[in-house]
């Protein structure tokens, strides 16, 4: 399992910073932003190999399910 920030959203927001800097904003004056979108990825194949049973509610909450 992995739970972390959505990288596509981070890159999209970073582009906004670049745009503001190229327009003349001082980088030191820009606010620090924390990630707001997170992704839950579950590798069901590995869990099965390890003999783990995952609750159905957890599988339903996963943004990405790997069944390899």
PDB file of N, CA and C in Angstrom:
ATOM      1  N   UNK A   1       0.832  -1.170   0.000  1.00  0.00           N
ATOM      2  CA  UNK A   1       0.000   0.000   0.000  1.00  0.00           C
ATOM      3  C   UNK A   1       0.880   1.238   0.000  1.00  0.00           C
ATOM      4  N   UNK A   2       0.393   2.268  -0.618  1.00  0.00           N
ATOM      5  CA  UNK A   2       1.083   3.555  -0.620  1.00  0.00           C
ATOM      6  C   UNK A   2       0.021   4.649  -0.540  1.00  0.00           C
ATOM      7  N   UNK A   3       0.289   5.639   0.273  1.00  0.00           N
ATOM      8  CA  UNK A   3      -0.603   6.785   0.410  1.00  0.00           C
ATOM      9  C   UNK A   3       0.262   8.027   0.320  1.00  0.00           C
ATOM     10  N   UNK A   4       0.048   8.844  -0.694  1.00  0.00           N
ATOM     11  CA  UNK A   4       0.878  10.021  -0.862  1.00  0.00           C
ATOM     12  C   UNK A   4       0.205  11.057  -1.730  1.00  0.00           C
ATOM     13  N   UNK A   5       0.890  12.177  -1.943  1.00  0.00           N
ATOM     14  CA  UNK A   5       0.305  13.262  -2.729  1.00  0.00           C
ATOM     15  C   UNK A   5       0.155  12.874  -4.197  1.00  0.00           C
ATOM     16  N   UNK A   6      -0.817  13.455  -4.833  1.00  0.00           N
ATOM     17  CA  UNK A   6      -1.062  13.256  -6.257  1.00  0.00           C
ATOM     18  C   UNK A   6      -0.008  14.064  -7.010  1.00  0.00           C
ATOM     19  N   UNK A   7       0.914  13.375  -7.698  1.00  0.00           N
ATOM     20  CA  UNK A   7       2.027  14.050  -8.354  1.00  0.00           C
ATOM     21  C   UNK A   7       1.576  14.946  -9.494  1.00  0.00           C
ATOM     22  N   UNK A   8       0.565  14.547 -10.237  1.00  0.00           N
ATOM     23  CA  UNK A   8       0.066  15.384 -11.328  1.00  0.00           C
ATOM     24  C   UNK A   8      -0.436  16.724 -10.786  1.00  0.00           C
ATOM     25  N   UNK A   9      -1.113  16.702  -9.661  1.00  0.00           N
ATOM     26  CA  UNK A   9      -1.600  17.938  -9.047  1.00  0.00           C
ATOM     27  C   UNK A   9      -0.429  18.805  -8.571  1.00  0.00           C
ATOM     28  N   UNK A  10       0.609  18.178  -8.015  1.00  0.00           N
ATOM     29  CA  UNK A  10       1.780  18.937  -7.564  1.00  0.00           C
ATOM     30  C   UNK A  10       2.467  19.644  -8.730  1.00  0.00           C
ATOM     31  N   UNK A  11       2.622  18.941  -9.856  1.00  0.00           N
ATOM     32  CA  UNK A  11       3.251  19.552 -11.028  1.00  0.00           C
ATOM     33  C   UNK A  11       2.391  20.681 -11.587  1.00  0.00           C
ATOM     34  N   UNK A  12       1.083  20.490 -11.584  1.00  0.00           N
ATOM     35  CA  UNK A  12       0.168  21.521 -12.077  1.00  0.00           C
ATOM     36  C   UNK A  12       0.290  22.781 -11.223  1.00  0.00           C
ATOM     37  N   UNK A  13       0.374  22.590  -9.912  1.00  0.00           N
ATOM     38  CA  UNK A  13       0.485  23.739  -9.018  1.00  0.00           C
ATOM     39  C   UNK A  13       1.862  24.384  -9.114  1.00  0.00           C
ATOM     40  N   UNK A  14       2.898  23.577  -9.373  1.00  0.00           N
ATOM     41  CA  UNK A  14       4.246  24.127  -9.556  1.00  0.00           C
ATOM     42  C   UNK A  14       4.292  25.015 -10.793  1.00  0.00           C
ATOM     43  N   UNK A  15       3.550  24.636 -11.829  1.00  0.00           N
ATOM     44  CA  UNK A  15       3.492  25.457 -13.039  1.00  0.00           C
ATOM     45  C   UNK A  15       2.914  26.839 -12.723  1.00  0.00           C
ATOM     46  N   UNK A  16       1.980  26.888 -11.785  1.00  0.00           N
ATOM     47  CA  UNK A  16       1.428  28.180 -11.367  1.00  0.00           C
ATOM     48  C   UNK A  16       2.484  29.051 -10.705  1.00  0.00           C
ATOM     49  N   UNK A  17       3.361  28.422  -9.917  1.00  0.00           N
ATOM     50  CA  UNK A  17       4.468  29.158  -9.307  1.00  0.00           C
ATOM     51  C   UNK A  17       5.404  29.708 -10.379  1.00  0.00           C
ATOM     52  N   UNK A  18       5.741  28.882 -11.358  1.00  0.00           N
ATOM     53  CA  UNK A  18       6.636  29.312 -12.436  1.00  0.00           C
ATOM     54  C   UNK A  18       6.015  30.483 -13.181  1.00  0.00           C
ATOM     55  N   UNK A  19       4.740  30.394 -13.454  1.00  0.00           N
ATOM     56  CA  UNK A  19       4.044  31.477 -14.155  1.00  0.00           C
ATOM     57  C   UNK A  19       4.138  32.778 -13.368  1.00  0.00           C
ATOM     58  N   UNK A  20       3.908  32.701 -12.068  1.00  0.00           N
ATOM     59  CA  UNK A  20       3.953  33.911 -11.241  1.00  0.00           C
ATOM     60  C   UNK A  20       5.359  34.495 -11.181  1.00  0.00           C
ATOM     61  N   UNK A  21       6.380  33.632 -11.122  1.00  0.00           N
ATOM     62  CA  UNK A  21       7.763  34.110 -11.077  1.00  0.00           C
ATOM     63  C   UNK A  21       8.135  34.761 -12.404  1.00  0.00           C
ATOM     64  N   UNK A  22       7.739  34.152 -13.523  1.00  0.00           N
ATOM     65  CA  UNK A  22       8.049  34.738 -14.824  1.00  0.00           C
ATOM     66  C   UNK A  22       7.329  36.059 -15.046  1.00  0.00           C
ATOM     67  N   UNK A  23       6.206  36.245 -14.365  1.00  0.00           N
ATOM     68  CA  UNK A  23       5.477  37.523 -14.460  1.00  0.00           C
ATOM     69  C   UNK A  23       6.084  38.599 -13.560  1.00  0.00           C
ATOM     70  N   UNK A  24       7.103  38.220 -12.741  1.00  0.00           N
ATOM     71  CA  UNK A  24       7.795  39.219 -11.946  1.00  0.00           C
ATOM     72  C   UNK A  24       7.653  39.085 -10.443  1.00  0.00           C
ATOM     73  N   UNK A  25       6.959  38.073  -9.961  1.00  0.00           N
ATOM     74  CA  UNK A  25       6.820  37.895  -8.516  1.00  0.00           C
ATOM     75  C   UNK A  25       8.152  37.470  -7.907  1.00  0.00           C
ATOM     76  N   UNK A  26       8.398  37.905  -6.694  1.00  0.00           N
ATOM     77  CA  UNK A  26       9.612  37.517  -5.978  1.00  0.00           C
ATOM     78  C   UNK A  26       9.360  36.146  -5.339  1.00  0.00           C
ATOM     79  N   UNK A  27      10.210  35.149  -5.636  1.00  0.00           N
ATOM     80  CA  UNK A  27       9.976  33.804  -5.097  1.00  0.00           C
ATOM     81  C   UNK A  27       9.862  33.762  -3.573  1.00  0.00           C
ATOM     82  N   UNK A  28      10.594  34.604  -2.875  1.00  0.00           N
ATOM     83  CA  UNK A  28      10.548  34.613  -1.419  1.00  0.00           C
ATOM     84  C   UNK A  28       9.194  35.098  -0.892  1.00  0.00           C
ATOM     85  N   UNK A  29       8.457  35.825  -1.724  1.00  0.00           N
ATOM     86  CA  UNK A  29       7.165  36.353  -1.300  1.00  0.00           C
ATOM     87  C   UNK A  29       6.000  35.398  -1.586  1.00  0.00           C
ATOM     88  N   UNK A  30       6.257  34.328  -2.331  1.00  0.00           N
ATOM     89  CA  UNK A  30       5.188  33.384  -2.658  1.00  0.00           C
ATOM     90  C   UNK A  30       4.911  32.475  -1.467  1.00  0.00           C
ATOM     91  N   UNK A  31       3.648  32.183  -1.205  1.00  0.00           N
ATOM     92  CA  UNK A  31       3.307  31.312  -0.071  1.00  0.00           C
ATOM     93  C   UNK A  31       3.665  29.850  -0.346  1.00  0.00           C
ATOM     94  N   UNK A  32       3.987  29.135   0.706  1.00  0.00           N
ATOM     95  CA  UNK A  32       4.244  27.704   0.590  1.00  0.00           C
ATOM     96  C   UNK A  32       2.896  27.002   0.607  1.00  0.00           C
ATOM     97  N   UNK A  33       2.697  26.089  -0.323  1.00  0.00           N
ATOM     98  CA  UNK A  33       1.432  25.367  -0.410  1.00  0.00           C
ATOM     99  C   UNK A  33       1.667  23.901  -0.100  1.00  0.00           C
ATOM    100  N   UNK A  34       0.790  23.338   0.672  1.00  0.00           N
ATOM    101  CA  UNK A  34       0.854  21.911   0.992  1.00  0.00           C
ATOM    102  C   UNK A  34       0.013  21.141  -0.008  1.00  0.00           C
ATOM    103  N   UNK A  35       0.324  19.852  -0.189  1.00  0.00           N
ATOM    104  CA  UNK A  35      -0.514  19.040  -1.084  1.00  0.00           C
ATOM    105  C   UNK A  35      -1.945  18.966  -0.561  1.00  0.00           C
ATOM    106  N   UNK A  36      -2.894  18.974  -1.475  1.00  0.00           N
ATOM    107  CA  UNK A  36      -4.298  18.889  -1.078  1.00  0.00           C
ATOM    108  C   UNK A  36      -4.973  17.631  -1.607  1.00  0.00           C
ATOM    109  N   UNK A  37      -4.406  17.025  -2.643  1.00  0.00           N
ATOM    110  CA  UNK A  37      -4.957  15.794  -3.201  1.00  0.00           C
ATOM    111  C   UNK A  37      -4.008  14.642  -2.907  1.00  0.00           C
ATOM    112  N   UNK A  38      -4.552  13.539  -2.405  1.00  0.00           N
ATOM    113  CA  UNK A  38      -3.743  12.377  -2.069  1.00  0.00           C
ATOM    114  C   UNK A  38      -4.284  11.153  -2.794  1.00  0.00           C
ATOM    115  N   UNK A  39      -3.414  10.167  -2.995  1.00  0.00           N
ATOM    116  CA  UNK A  39      -3.765   8.953  -3.734  1.00  0.00           C
ATOM    117  C   UNK A  39      -3.445   7.742  -2.863  1.00  0.00           C
ATOM    118  N   UNK A  40      -4.382   6.796  -2.808  1.00  0.00           N
ATOM    119  CA  UNK A  40      -4.172   5.532  -2.110  1.00  0.00           C
ATOM    120  C   UNK A  40      -4.032   4.448  -3.171  1.00  0.00           C
ATOM    121  N   UNK A  41      -2.863   3.778  -3.170  1.00  0.00           N
ATOM    122  CA  UNK A  41      -2.592   2.703  -4.112  1.00  0.00           C
ATOM    123  C   UNK A  41      -2.415   1.411  -3.337  1.00  0.00           C
ATOM    124  N   UNK A  42      -3.086   0.359  -3.785  1.00  0.00           N
ATOM    125  CA  UNK A  42      -3.005  -0.946  -3.126  1.00  0.00           C
ATOM    126  C   UNK A  42      -2.548  -1.980  -4.145  1.00  0.00           C
ATOM    127  N   UNK A  43      -1.530  -2.759  -3.778  1.00  0.00           N
ATOM    128  CA  UNK A  43      -1.065  -3.852  -4.618  1.00  0.00           C
ATOM    129  C   UNK A  43      -1.694  -5.136  -4.082  1.00  0.00           C
ATOM    130  N   UNK A  44      -2.813  -5.515  -4.667  1.00  0.00           N
ATOM    131  CA  UNK A  44      -3.570  -6.675  -4.196  1.00  0.00           C
ATOM    132  C   UNK A  44      -2.822  -7.976  -4.466  1.00  0.00           C
ATOM    133  N   UNK A  45      -2.035  -8.016  -5.535  1.00  0.00           N
ATOM    134  CA  UNK A  45      -1.269  -9.215  -5.842  1.00  0.00           C
ATOM    135  C   UNK A  45      -0.241  -9.526  -4.776  1.00  0.00           C
ATOM    136  N   UNK A  46       0.464  -8.520  -4.314  1.00  0.00           N
ATOM    137  CA  UNK A  46       1.455  -8.706  -3.251  1.00  0.00           C
ATOM    138  C   UNK A  46       0.774  -9.071  -1.940  1.00  0.00           C
ATOM    139  N   UNK A  47      -0.349  -8.435  -1.652  1.00  0.00           N
ATOM    140  CA  UNK A  47      -1.081  -8.756  -0.416  1.00  0.00           C
ATOM    141  C   UNK A  47      -1.518 -10.220  -0.431  1.00  0.00           C
ATOM    142  N   UNK A  48      -1.966 -10.702  -1.583  1.00  0.00           N
ATOM    143  CA  UNK A  48      -2.393 -12.101  -1.697  1.00  0.00           C
ATOM    144  C   UNK A  48      -1.197 -13.035  -1.517  1.00  0.00           C
ATOM    145  N   UNK A  49      -0.058 -12.678  -2.094  1.00  0.00           N
ATOM    146  CA  UNK A  49       1.154 -13.488  -1.955  1.00  0.00           C
ATOM    147  C   UNK A  49       1.594 -13.572  -0.499  1.00  0.00           C
ATOM    148  N   UNK A  50       1.425 -12.492   0.234  1.00  0.00           N
ATOM    149  CA  UNK A  50       1.795 -12.465   1.655  1.00  0.00           C
ATOM    150  C   UNK A  50       0.733 -13.104   2.543  1.00  0.00           C
ATOM    151  N   UNK A  51      -0.383 -13.492   1.958  1.00  0.00           N
ATOM    152  CA  UNK A  51      -1.440 -14.136   2.726  1.00  0.00           C
ATOM    153  C   UNK A  51      -2.321 -13.159   3.481  1.00  0.00           C
ATOM    154  N   UNK A  52      -2.327 -11.920   3.065  1.00  0.00           N
ATOM    155  CA  UNK A  52      -3.142 -10.893   3.723  1.00  0.00           C
ATOM    156  C   UNK A  52      -4.504 -10.808   3.046  1.00  0.00           C
ATOM    157  N   UNK A  53      -5.524 -10.588   3.835  1.00  0.00           N
ATOM    158  CA  UNK A  53      -6.854 -10.322   3.284  1.00  0.00           C
ATOM    159  C   UNK A  53      -7.169  -8.855   3.536  1.00  0.00           C
ATOM    160  N   UNK A  54      -7.526  -8.181   2.477  1.00  0.00           N
ATOM    161  CA  UNK A  54      -7.824  -6.751   2.580  1.00  0.00           C
ATOM    162  C   UNK A  54      -9.322  -6.552   2.752  1.00  0.00           C
ATOM    163  N   UNK A  55      -9.707  -5.683   3.667  1.00  0.00           N
ATOM    164  CA  UNK A  55     -11.138  -5.396   3.826  1.00  0.00           C
ATOM    165  C   UNK A  55     -11.714  -4.789   2.542  1.00  0.00           C
ATOM    166  N   UNK A  56     -12.916  -5.174   2.222  1.00  0.00           N
ATOM    167  CA  UNK A  56     -13.571  -4.687   1.011  1.00  0.00           C
ATOM    168  C   UNK A  56     -13.713  -3.158   1.032  1.00  0.00           C
ATOM    169  N   UNK A  57     -13.939  -2.598   2.200  1.00  0.00           N
ATOM    170  CA  UNK A  57     -14.084  -1.140   2.297  1.00  0.00           C
ATOM    171  C   UNK A  57     -12.773  -0.434   1.939  1.00  0.00           C
ATOM    172  N   UNK A  58     -11.639  -1.048   2.259  1.00  0.00           N
ATOM    173  CA  UNK A  58     -10.346  -0.462   1.913  1.00  0.00           C
ATOM    174  C   UNK A  58     -10.116  -0.524   0.408  1.00  0.00           C
ATOM    175  N   UNK A  59     -10.487  -1.627  -0.200  1.00  0.00           N
ATOM    176  CA  UNK A  59     -10.332  -1.768  -1.648  1.00  0.00           C
ATOM    177  C   UNK A  59     -11.214  -0.750  -2.376  1.00  0.00           C
ATOM    178  N   UNK A  60     -12.403  -0.503  -1.861  1.00  0.00           N
ATOM    179  CA  UNK A  60     -13.301   0.476  -2.488  1.00  0.00           C
ATOM    180  C   UNK A  60     -12.758   1.896  -2.382  1.00  0.00           C
ATOM    181  N   UNK A  61     -12.006   2.184  -1.326  1.00  0.00           N
ATOM    182  CA  UNK A  61     -11.451   3.531  -1.151  1.00  0.00           C
ATOM    183  C   UNK A  61     -10.205   3.791  -1.974  1.00  0.00           C
ATOM    184  N   UNK A  62      -9.563   2.736  -2.465  1.00  0.00           N
ATOM    185  CA  UNK A  62      -8.312   2.878  -3.209  1.00  0.00           C
ATOM    186  C   UNK A  62      -8.537   3.635  -4.517  1.00  0.00           C
ATOM    187  N   UNK A  63      -7.619   4.538  -4.822  1.00  0.00           N
ATOM    188  CA  UNK A  63      -7.665   5.266  -6.090  1.00  0.00           C
ATOM    189  C   UNK A  63      -7.090   4.410  -7.210  1.00  0.00           C
ATOM    190  N   UNK A  64      -6.122   3.548  -6.847  1.00  0.00           N
ATOM    191  CA  UNK A  64      -5.497   2.678  -7.825  1.00  0.00           C
ATOM    192  C   UNK A  64      -5.323   1.302  -7.185  1.00  0.00           C
ATOM    193  N   UNK A  65      -5.751   0.262  -7.903  1.00  0.00           N
ATOM    194  CA  UNK A  65      -5.643  -1.105  -7.424  1.00  0.00           C
ATOM    195  C   UNK A  65      -4.818  -1.907  -8.412  1.00  0.00           C
ATOM    196  N   UNK A  66      -3.697  -2.438  -7.950  1.00  0.00           N
ATOM    197  CA  UNK A  66      -2.815  -3.230  -8.795  1.00  0.00           C
ATOM    198  C   UNK A  66      -3.070  -4.687  -8.472  1.00  0.00           C
ATOM    199  N   UNK A  67      -3.443  -5.453  -9.483  1.00  0.00           N
ATOM    200  CA  UNK A  67      -3.779  -6.860  -9.252  1.00  0.00           C
ATOM    201  C   UNK A  67      -2.807  -7.797  -9.946  1.00  0.00           C
ATOM    202  N   UNK A  68      -1.584  -7.375 -10.148  1.00  0.00           N
ATOM    203  CA  UNK A  68      -0.587  -8.197 -10.863  1.00  0.00           C
ATOM    204  C   UNK A  68      -0.061  -9.312 -10.001  1.00  0.00           C
TER     205      UNK A  68
END
